[in-house]
Amino acid sequence: MPKFHRIAAFCVMVGAAAWIATGEFSSVGSAETAEGRESPTSETPAAEPAPLVRTVSAVDPAFIDHAREIRLSGITEADKRVELAARAEGVIASLALSKGGMVEAGGVVMVLEGPETVAQEEIAQIALAQKERDLEVAEKLFQGGSTSESNLTNARSARDAAQAELNRAHAAADRLRLKAPFAGIVDSVSVELGEWVQTGTPVATILALDPILVKAEVSEVDLGSVAVGSTAKVRLVNGTEMEGTVRLVAREASAQTRTFPVEIALPNPDLALPSGMTAEVSLFAAPTRAVVVPRSIVTLADDGTLGLRVVGADNLAQFAPVKIIDDTPEGLVVTGVSEGVRIITAGQDLVSNGEKVDVAAGVGQ
């Protein structure tokens, strides 16, 4: 039995040695490789995958001429306001003033008693008439050779002095009469008939309310968009809506607020609009060519610049910087969009500059 085992072991050893000698064991992995896959050196190079082309929605920009609205708060004021004062002292002899009444430009509204002043005016008139007659006589005598040239000169000087004295008497008498400097409405009266007044005593306040003014203040940013003569819309606190004209744009800012006063004139022929009423003012800047876009499509560049994604005829996406000039219920009003491009309205945040895109057809804004 042991001899049999030795014989069997010897046979196995001889067979193993013979198999190793053939080298067949080295072709197992290669054969599997040949059967399972082809050698890379004999394979045709694989084509690179096609680049991804994103699909976006875009619309043609609808350009408009947009006049930006500038909203201000203001208050109505009289076009003119004056506080009349006595020009001399004395007792009020007549008073043609009543609260709420009307006065005409140049109309006498108050007269003071002044008999001495009136008498001086009459005396000066008589004296002037006499000096004029003396001058006529002197001229005739000089022409006839009966008087000297010096006498004629003295007569002329006397006449001129009498004229000056009359002018002074007229001025004194005129100070007794108080006149309205312009047509308007009497807002208040501070004196009564028969009252003694001194020079400078307040008499009455007169307002000119046609046109009536709306005074507001515009910021230094919007100053360049407001011009004299432009139209303004005004809404008063009582609901009245009117159109007026910008009459003044100040060229010096308020030291406290750094804003510039503006005045809008409103027609007020029936004097229905009072001074001191709150008003809302809408001014309109010069029209600017712009595009209205939805707020959702505005994007930012890497450096924080505000803009839109646009695509040209070559279907390459680009970033277009824009400036927002107004915010309306319809959307943002922007400038900076060029002609010949379409504005990307969907997918703008997924594309970059120079990227090729497919534009979806039939998509509206």
Protein backbone atom coordinates (compact mmCIF):
# COMPACT_ATOMS: atom_id res chain seq x y z
CA MET A 1 0.00 0.00 0.00
CA PRO A 2 2.74 2.53 0.76
CA LYS A 3 4.36 1.59 -2.50
CA PHE A 4 1.16 2.47 -4.37
CA HIS A 5 1.10 5.90 -2.76
CA ARG A 6 4.63 6.58 -3.78
CA ILE A 7 3.87 5.57 -7.36
CA ALA A 8 0.75 7.84 -7.46
CA ALA A 9 2.63 10.84 -6.06
CA PHE A 10 5.37 10.35 -8.62
CA CYS A 11 2.84 10.30 -11.45
CA VAL A 12 1.21 13.53 -10.26
CA MET A 13 4.57 15.26 -10.03
CA VAL A 14 5.53 14.19 -13.54
CA GLY A 15 2.20 15.40 -14.96
CA ALA A 16 2.53 18.79 -13.25
CA ALA A 17 6.00 19.24 -14.55
CA ALA A 18 4.86 18.43 -18.07
CA TRP A 19 1.96 21.02 -17.90
CA ILE A 20 4.25 23.74 -16.64
CA ALA A 21 6.65 22.97 -19.44
CA THR A 22 3.93 23.61 -22.08
CA GLY A 23 3.33 27.24 -20.81
CA GLU A 24 -0.47 27.05 -21.26
CA PHE A 25 -1.10 28.51 -17.82
CA SER A 26 0.10 31.93 -19.06
CA SER A 27 -2.71 32.28 -21.70
CA VAL A 28 -5.69 32.06 -19.38
CA GLY A 29 -5.96 35.82 -18.51
CA SER A 30 -5.11 36.86 -22.05
CA ALA A 31 -7.62 34.55 -23.54
CA GLU A 32 -10.26 35.87 -21.20
CA THR A 33 -9.30 39.33 -22.18
CA ALA A 34 -9.48 38.46 -25.87
CA GLU A 35 -12.80 36.78 -25.46
CA GLY A 36 -14.32 39.37 -23.14
CA ARG A 37 -12.95 42.62 -24.64
CA GLU A 38 -10.80 43.79 -27.49
CA SER A 39 -7.34 45.12 -27.02
CA PRO A 40 -7.27 48.94 -26.67
CA THR A 41 -4.50 49.14 -29.26
CA SER A 42 -6.70 47.50 -31.90
CA GLU A 43 -9.85 49.54 -30.97
CA THR A 44 -11.03 52.65 -33.02
CA PRO A 45 -10.93 55.83 -30.79
CA ALA A 46 -14.40 56.66 -29.32
CA ALA A 47 -16.05 60.03 -30.40
CA GLU A 48 -16.32 62.76 -27.69
CA PRO A 49 -19.89 63.40 -26.38
CA ALA A 50 -21.68 66.43 -27.93
CA PRO A 51 -21.65 69.59 -25.70
CA LEU A 52 -24.83 70.42 -23.77
CA VAL A 53 -26.92 73.20 -25.38
CA ARG A 54 -29.38 74.78 -22.97
CA THR A 55 -32.82 75.91 -24.05
CA VAL A 56 -33.97 79.35 -22.94
CA SER A 57 -37.01 81.51 -23.54
CA ALA A 58 -36.48 84.96 -25.04
CA VAL A 59 -38.56 87.83 -26.39
CA ASP A 60 -37.89 90.83 -28.60
CA PRO A 61 -37.66 94.02 -26.50
CA ALA A 62 -40.55 96.47 -26.87
CA PHE A 63 -38.93 99.91 -26.78
CA ILE A 64 -40.94 102.85 -25.42
CA ASP A 65 -40.36 106.55 -24.75
CA HIS A 66 -40.83 106.68 -21.00
CA ALA A 67 -41.23 109.91 -19.02
CA ARG A 68 -40.22 109.12 -15.46
CA GLU A 69 -42.61 110.38 -12.81
CA ILE A 70 -41.15 112.37 -9.90
CA ARG A 71 -43.49 112.54 -6.90
CA LEU A 72 -43.27 115.41 -4.42
CA SER A 73 -45.27 116.76 -1.49
CA GLY A 74 -46.11 120.45 -1.44
CA ILE A 75 -48.43 123.13 -0.14
CA THR A 76 -50.44 125.84 -1.86
CA GLU A 77 -49.44 129.45 -1.42
CA ALA A 78 -50.65 132.77 -2.77
CA ASP A 79 -48.93 134.05 -5.87
CA LYS A 80 -48.49 137.39 -4.07
CA ARG A 81 -48.97 138.37 -0.45
CA VAL A 82 -48.60 141.82 1.04
CA GLU A 83 -49.29 143.36 4.42
CA LEU A 84 -50.35 146.95 3.90
CA ALA A 85 -49.10 149.51 6.42
CA ALA A 86 -49.96 153.15 7.10
CA ARG A 87 -47.62 155.55 5.32
CA ALA A 88 -48.33 158.48 7.63
CA GLU A 89 -49.90 159.11 10.99
CA GLY A 90 -53.42 160.35 11.51
CA VAL A 91 -57.05 159.40 11.93
CA ILE A 92 -58.60 157.02 9.40
CA ALA A 93 -61.10 159.10 7.44
CA SER A 94 -62.23 156.32 5.04
CA LEU A 95 -61.61 152.58 4.88
CA ALA A 96 -62.52 150.60 1.74
CA LEU A 97 -61.44 147.23 3.14
CA SER A 98 -63.46 144.25 4.37
CA LYS A 99 -62.37 140.70 5.09
CA GLY A 100 -62.94 138.52 2.07
CA GLY A 101 -63.54 141.51 -0.16
CA MET A 102 -61.77 142.26 -3.42
CA VAL A 103 -59.50 145.18 -4.26
CA GLU A 104 -58.27 146.47 -7.60
CA ALA A 105 -54.67 147.24 -8.44
CA GLY A 106 -54.00 150.90 -7.60
CA GLY A 107 -57.33 151.33 -5.82
CA VAL A 108 -57.40 153.62 -2.73
CA VAL A 109 -58.26 151.43 0.25
CA MET A 110 -57.67 153.89 3.12
CA VAL A 111 -57.49 157.68 3.54
CA LEU A 112 -56.18 159.53 6.61
CA GLU A 113 -57.33 162.93 7.83
CA GLY A 114 -54.74 165.62 7.08
CA PRO A 115 -56.19 169.09 6.50
CA GLU A 116 -52.84 170.82 6.95
CA THR A 117 -51.21 168.58 4.39
CA VAL A 118 -54.02 169.16 1.91
CA ALA A 119 -53.79 172.92 2.47
CA GLN A 120 -50.05 172.87 1.83
CA GLU A 121 -50.67 171.09 -1.44
CA GLU A 122 -53.17 173.78 -2.53
CA ILE A 123 -50.79 176.60 -1.56
CA ALA A 124 -48.00 174.98 -3.54
CA GLN A 125 -50.24 174.77 -6.59
CA ILE A 126 -51.11 178.46 -6.35
CA ALA A 127 -47.46 179.41 -5.90
CA LEU A 128 -46.45 177.41 -8.97
CA ALA A 129 -49.13 179.08 -11.08
CA GLN A 130 -47.84 182.51 -10.03
CA LYS A 131 -44.21 181.64 -10.83
CA GLU A 132 -45.21 180.35 -14.25
CA ARG A 133 -46.94 183.68 -15.04
CA ASP A 134 -43.86 185.59 -13.87
CA LEU A 135 -41.72 183.48 -16.17
CA GLU A 136 -43.94 184.27 -19.15
CA VAL A 137 -43.63 188.02 -18.49
CA ALA A 138 -39.85 187.77 -18.12
CA GLU A 139 -39.55 185.91 -21.43
CA LYS A 140 -41.58 188.56 -23.29
CA LEU A 141 -39.53 191.40 -21.76
CA PHE A 142 -36.29 189.64 -22.67
CA GLN A 143 -37.42 189.14 -26.25
CA GLY A 144 -38.30 192.87 -26.45
CA GLY A 145 -34.96 193.85 -24.96
CA SER A 146 -36.53 195.35 -21.85
CA THR A 147 -34.88 193.05 -19.30
CA SER A 148 -31.61 191.28 -18.81
CA GLU A 149 -30.84 187.61 -19.25
CA SER A 150 -30.16 187.28 -15.53
CA ASN A 151 -33.69 188.36 -14.71
CA LEU A 152 -35.00 185.70 -17.10
CA THR A 153 -32.79 183.10 -15.43
CA ASN A 154 -34.05 184.12 -11.99
CA ALA A 155 -37.66 183.78 -13.13
CA ARG A 156 -36.97 180.27 -14.41
CA SER A 157 -35.29 179.27 -11.16
CA ALA A 158 -38.25 180.58 -9.14
CA ARG A 159 -40.63 178.57 -11.31
CA ASP A 160 -38.55 175.39 -10.84
CA ALA A 161 -38.45 175.90 -7.07
CA ALA A 162 -42.21 176.28 -6.97
CA GLN A 163 -42.56 173.03 -8.97
CA ALA A 164 -40.33 171.21 -6.51
CA GLU A 165 -42.34 172.51 -3.58
CA LEU A 166 -45.55 171.31 -5.21
CA ASN A 167 -44.01 167.86 -5.78
CA ARG A 168 -43.16 167.66 -2.09
CA ALA A 169 -46.70 168.71 -1.13
CA HIS A 170 -48.12 166.09 -3.52
CA ALA A 171 -45.95 163.39 -1.89
CA ALA A 172 -47.09 164.37 1.59
CA ALA A 173 -50.73 164.33 0.53
CA ASP A 174 -50.27 161.04 -1.27
CA ARG A 175 -49.03 159.40 1.93
CA LEU A 176 -52.49 160.02 3.40
CA ARG A 177 -53.93 157.72 0.73
CA LEU A 178 -53.14 153.98 0.93
CA LYS A 179 -53.40 152.07 -2.37
CA ALA A 180 -53.51 148.36 -3.22
CA PRO A 181 -50.33 147.31 -5.08
CA PHE A 182 -52.13 144.55 -6.99
CA ALA A 183 -55.58 143.08 -7.46
CA GLY A 184 -56.49 140.46 -4.89
CA ILE A 185 -58.59 139.36 -1.98
CA VAL A 186 -58.49 140.93 1.48
CA ASP A 187 -57.43 138.19 3.89
CA SER A 188 -57.43 140.27 7.09
CA VAL A 189 -58.07 143.85 8.29
CA SER A 190 -56.28 145.15 11.37
CA VAL A 191 -57.76 148.66 11.78
CA GLU A 192 -61.14 150.36 12.09
CA LEU A 193 -62.65 153.52 10.70
CA GLY A 194 -61.81 156.55 12.88
CA GLU A 195 -58.82 154.84 14.50
CA TRP A 196 -55.59 156.76 15.03
CA VAL A 197 -52.65 155.09 13.31
CA GLN A 198 -48.97 155.81 13.22
CA THR A 199 -46.59 155.41 10.33
CA GLY A 200 -45.98 151.67 9.79
CA THR A 201 -49.13 150.46 11.57
CA PRO A 202 -50.37 147.19 9.92
CA VAL A 203 -53.61 147.83 8.08
CA ALA A 204 -54.58 144.73 6.07
CA THR A 205 -53.27 141.60 4.31
CA ILE A 206 -54.00 141.15 0.62
CA LEU A 207 -53.52 137.90 -1.31
CA ALA A 208 -53.32 137.31 -5.05
CA LEU A 209 -54.68 133.79 -5.60
CA ASP A 210 -54.89 133.60 -9.40
CA PRO A 211 -52.77 131.79 -10.25
CA ILE A 212 -52.17 129.96 -6.99
CA LEU A 213 -48.80 128.35 -6.40
CA VAL A 214 -47.87 124.89 -5.17
CA LYS A 215 -44.46 125.00 -3.51
CA ALA A 216 -42.44 121.80 -3.16
CA GLU A 217 -38.80 120.70 -3.06
CA VAL A 218 -36.98 118.39 -5.44
CA SER A 219 -33.90 116.35 -4.58
CA GLU A 220 -30.51 117.06 -6.11
CA VAL A 221 -30.73 113.71 -7.92
CA ASP A 222 -33.92 114.74 -9.76
CA LEU A 223 -33.02 118.40 -10.25
CA GLY A 224 -31.76 117.83 -13.80
CA SER A 225 -35.09 116.27 -14.79
CA VAL A 226 -37.21 119.30 -13.84
CA ALA A 227 -37.42 122.37 -16.09
CA VAL A 228 -39.32 125.64 -16.07
CA GLY A 229 -42.36 125.43 -18.33
CA SER A 230 -42.88 121.68 -17.98
CA THR A 231 -46.29 120.29 -17.06
CA ALA A 232 -47.06 119.01 -13.57
CA LYS A 233 -50.04 117.10 -12.20
CA VAL A 234 -51.30 118.18 -8.80
CA ARG A 235 -53.68 116.35 -6.49
CA LEU A 236 -54.98 118.41 -3.59
CA VAL A 237 -55.92 116.99 -0.21
CA ASN A 238 -59.61 117.52 -1.02
CA GLY A 239 -59.30 115.24 -4.06
CA THR A 240 -59.12 117.95 -6.70
CA GLU A 241 -56.78 117.05 -9.55
CA MET A 242 -55.35 119.75 -11.79
CA GLU A 243 -52.57 120.39 -14.27
CA GLY A 244 -50.13 123.22 -13.73
CA THR A 245 -46.90 124.63 -15.09
CA VAL A 246 -43.52 124.68 -13.39
CA ARG A 247 -42.79 128.40 -12.93
CA LEU A 248 -39.60 128.28 -10.87
CA VAL A 249 -36.77 125.85 -10.20
CA ALA A 250 -34.42 127.31 -7.61
CA ARG A 251 -30.70 127.24 -8.34
CA GLU A 252 -29.67 127.20 -4.69
CA ALA A 253 -30.37 124.28 -2.38
CA SER A 254 -31.74 124.51 1.12
CA ALA A 255 -28.82 124.33 3.54
CA GLN A 256 -30.76 122.02 5.87
CA THR A 257 -32.29 119.53 3.42
CA ARG A 258 -30.09 119.89 0.33
CA THR A 259 -33.25 120.07 -1.78
CA PHE A 260 -34.24 122.68 -4.34
CA PRO A 261 -37.53 124.64 -4.11
CA VAL A 262 -39.86 124.48 -7.10
CA GLU A 263 -43.08 126.39 -7.80
CA ILE A 264 -46.01 125.14 -9.87
CA ALA A 265 -48.64 127.65 -10.99
CA LEU A 266 -52.28 126.48 -11.04
CA PRO A 267 -55.13 128.43 -12.63
CA ASN A 268 -57.56 129.68 -9.96
CA PRO A 269 -59.92 132.16 -11.65
CA ASP A 270 -62.76 131.67 -9.19
CA LEU A 271 -60.36 131.78 -6.20
CA ALA A 272 -61.74 128.46 -4.97
CA LEU A 273 -58.32 127.13 -3.98
CA PRO A 274 -57.01 128.62 -0.73
CA SER A 275 -53.46 129.14 0.41
CA GLY A 276 -52.00 126.53 2.78
CA MET A 277 -53.61 123.36 1.35
CA THR A 278 -51.56 120.14 1.17
CA ALA A 279 -50.86 118.86 -2.34
CA GLU A 280 -49.22 115.90 -4.06
CA VAL A 281 -47.18 116.85 -7.11
CA SER A 282 -46.17 114.65 -10.04
CA LEU A 283 -43.46 115.99 -12.30
CA PHE A 284 -42.35 114.21 -15.44
CA ALA A 285 -38.77 113.96 -16.68
CA ALA A 286 -37.87 114.17 -20.35
CA PRO A 287 -38.87 110.99 -22.27
CA THR A 288 -36.14 108.34 -22.41
CA ARG A 289 -35.99 105.33 -24.74
CA ALA A 290 -36.35 102.31 -22.48
CA VAL A 291 -37.78 98.81 -22.08
CA VAL A 292 -40.24 97.51 -19.49
CA VAL A 293 -39.15 94.12 -18.11
CA PRO A 294 -40.44 91.82 -15.35
CA ARG A 295 -38.60 92.15 -12.06
CA SER A 296 -37.88 88.41 -12.03
CA ILE A 297 -35.54 88.46 -15.05
CA VAL A 298 -33.12 91.06 -13.72
CA THR A 299 -29.85 89.38 -12.74
CA LEU A 300 -26.39 90.27 -11.45
CA ALA A 301 -22.97 89.91 -13.01
CA ASP A 302 -20.07 88.47 -11.02
CA ASP A 303 -18.98 91.98 -10.04
CA GLY A 304 -22.48 92.89 -8.83
CA THR A 305 -23.51 94.86 -11.93
CA LEU A 306 -27.26 94.88 -12.54
CA GLY A 307 -28.35 93.66 -15.94
CA LEU A 308 -30.19 91.24 -18.22
CA ARG A 309 -29.20 88.14 -20.16
CA VAL A 310 -29.69 88.67 -23.87
CA VAL A 311 -29.12 86.59 -26.98
CA GLY A 312 -28.24 87.85 -30.45
CA ALA A 313 -28.80 86.43 -33.91
CA ASP A 314 -25.88 84.04 -33.35
CA ASN A 315 -27.73 82.48 -30.37
CA LEU A 316 -24.85 83.32 -28.04
CA ALA A 317 -25.90 84.46 -24.58
CA GLN A 318 -24.46 87.74 -23.31
CA PHE A 319 -24.83 89.97 -20.24
CA ALA A 320 -26.26 93.46 -20.87
CA PRO A 321 -25.77 96.01 -18.06
CA VAL A 322 -28.89 98.11 -17.53
CA LYS A 323 -29.99 101.09 -15.45
CA ILE A 324 -33.36 101.14 -13.71
CA ILE A 325 -34.99 104.53 -14.29
CA ASP A 326 -38.47 103.78 -12.92
CA ASP A 327 -40.54 101.17 -11.13
CA THR A 328 -44.09 100.83 -12.46
CA PRO A 329 -46.93 98.35 -11.85
CA GLU A 330 -46.13 96.84 -15.26
CA GLY A 331 -42.50 96.16 -14.32
CA LEU A 332 -39.09 97.80 -14.16
CA VAL A 333 -38.27 100.44 -16.76
CA VAL A 334 -34.63 100.02 -17.80
CA THR A 335 -32.18 101.51 -20.27
CA GLY A 336 -29.13 99.85 -21.78
CA VAL A 337 -30.75 97.20 -23.99
CA SER A 338 -29.38 97.31 -27.54
CA GLU A 339 -31.27 96.91 -30.78
CA GLY A 340 -31.17 93.50 -32.45
CA VAL A 341 -31.09 91.33 -29.33
CA ARG A 342 -33.68 89.26 -27.53
CA ILE A 343 -34.12 89.35 -23.78
CA ILE A 344 -33.90 85.97 -22.06
CA THR A 345 -36.94 85.56 -19.82
CA ALA A 346 -36.39 81.98 -18.60
CA GLY A 347 -33.10 80.22 -17.95
CA GLN A 348 -31.06 83.40 -17.67
CA ASP A 349 -29.34 82.23 -14.49
CA LEU A 350 -28.18 78.95 -16.08
CA VAL A 351 -26.16 80.38 -18.97
CA SER A 352 -22.96 82.37 -19.14
CA ASN A 353 -21.42 84.87 -21.55
CA GLY A 354 -20.67 83.41 -24.96
CA GLU A 355 -22.59 80.20 -24.33
CA LYS A 356 -24.53 78.76 -27.24
CA VAL A 357 -28.24 78.39 -26.47
CA ASP A 358 -31.43 77.21 -28.12
CA VAL A 359 -34.21 79.77 -28.04
CA ALA A 360 -37.67 78.38 -27.49
CA ALA A 361 -40.06 79.53 -30.17
CA GLY A 362 -43.43 81.09 -29.48
CA VAL A 363 -42.66 82.23 -25.94
CA GLY A 364 -44.01 85.66 -25.02
CA GLN A 365 -43.11 88.02 -22.25
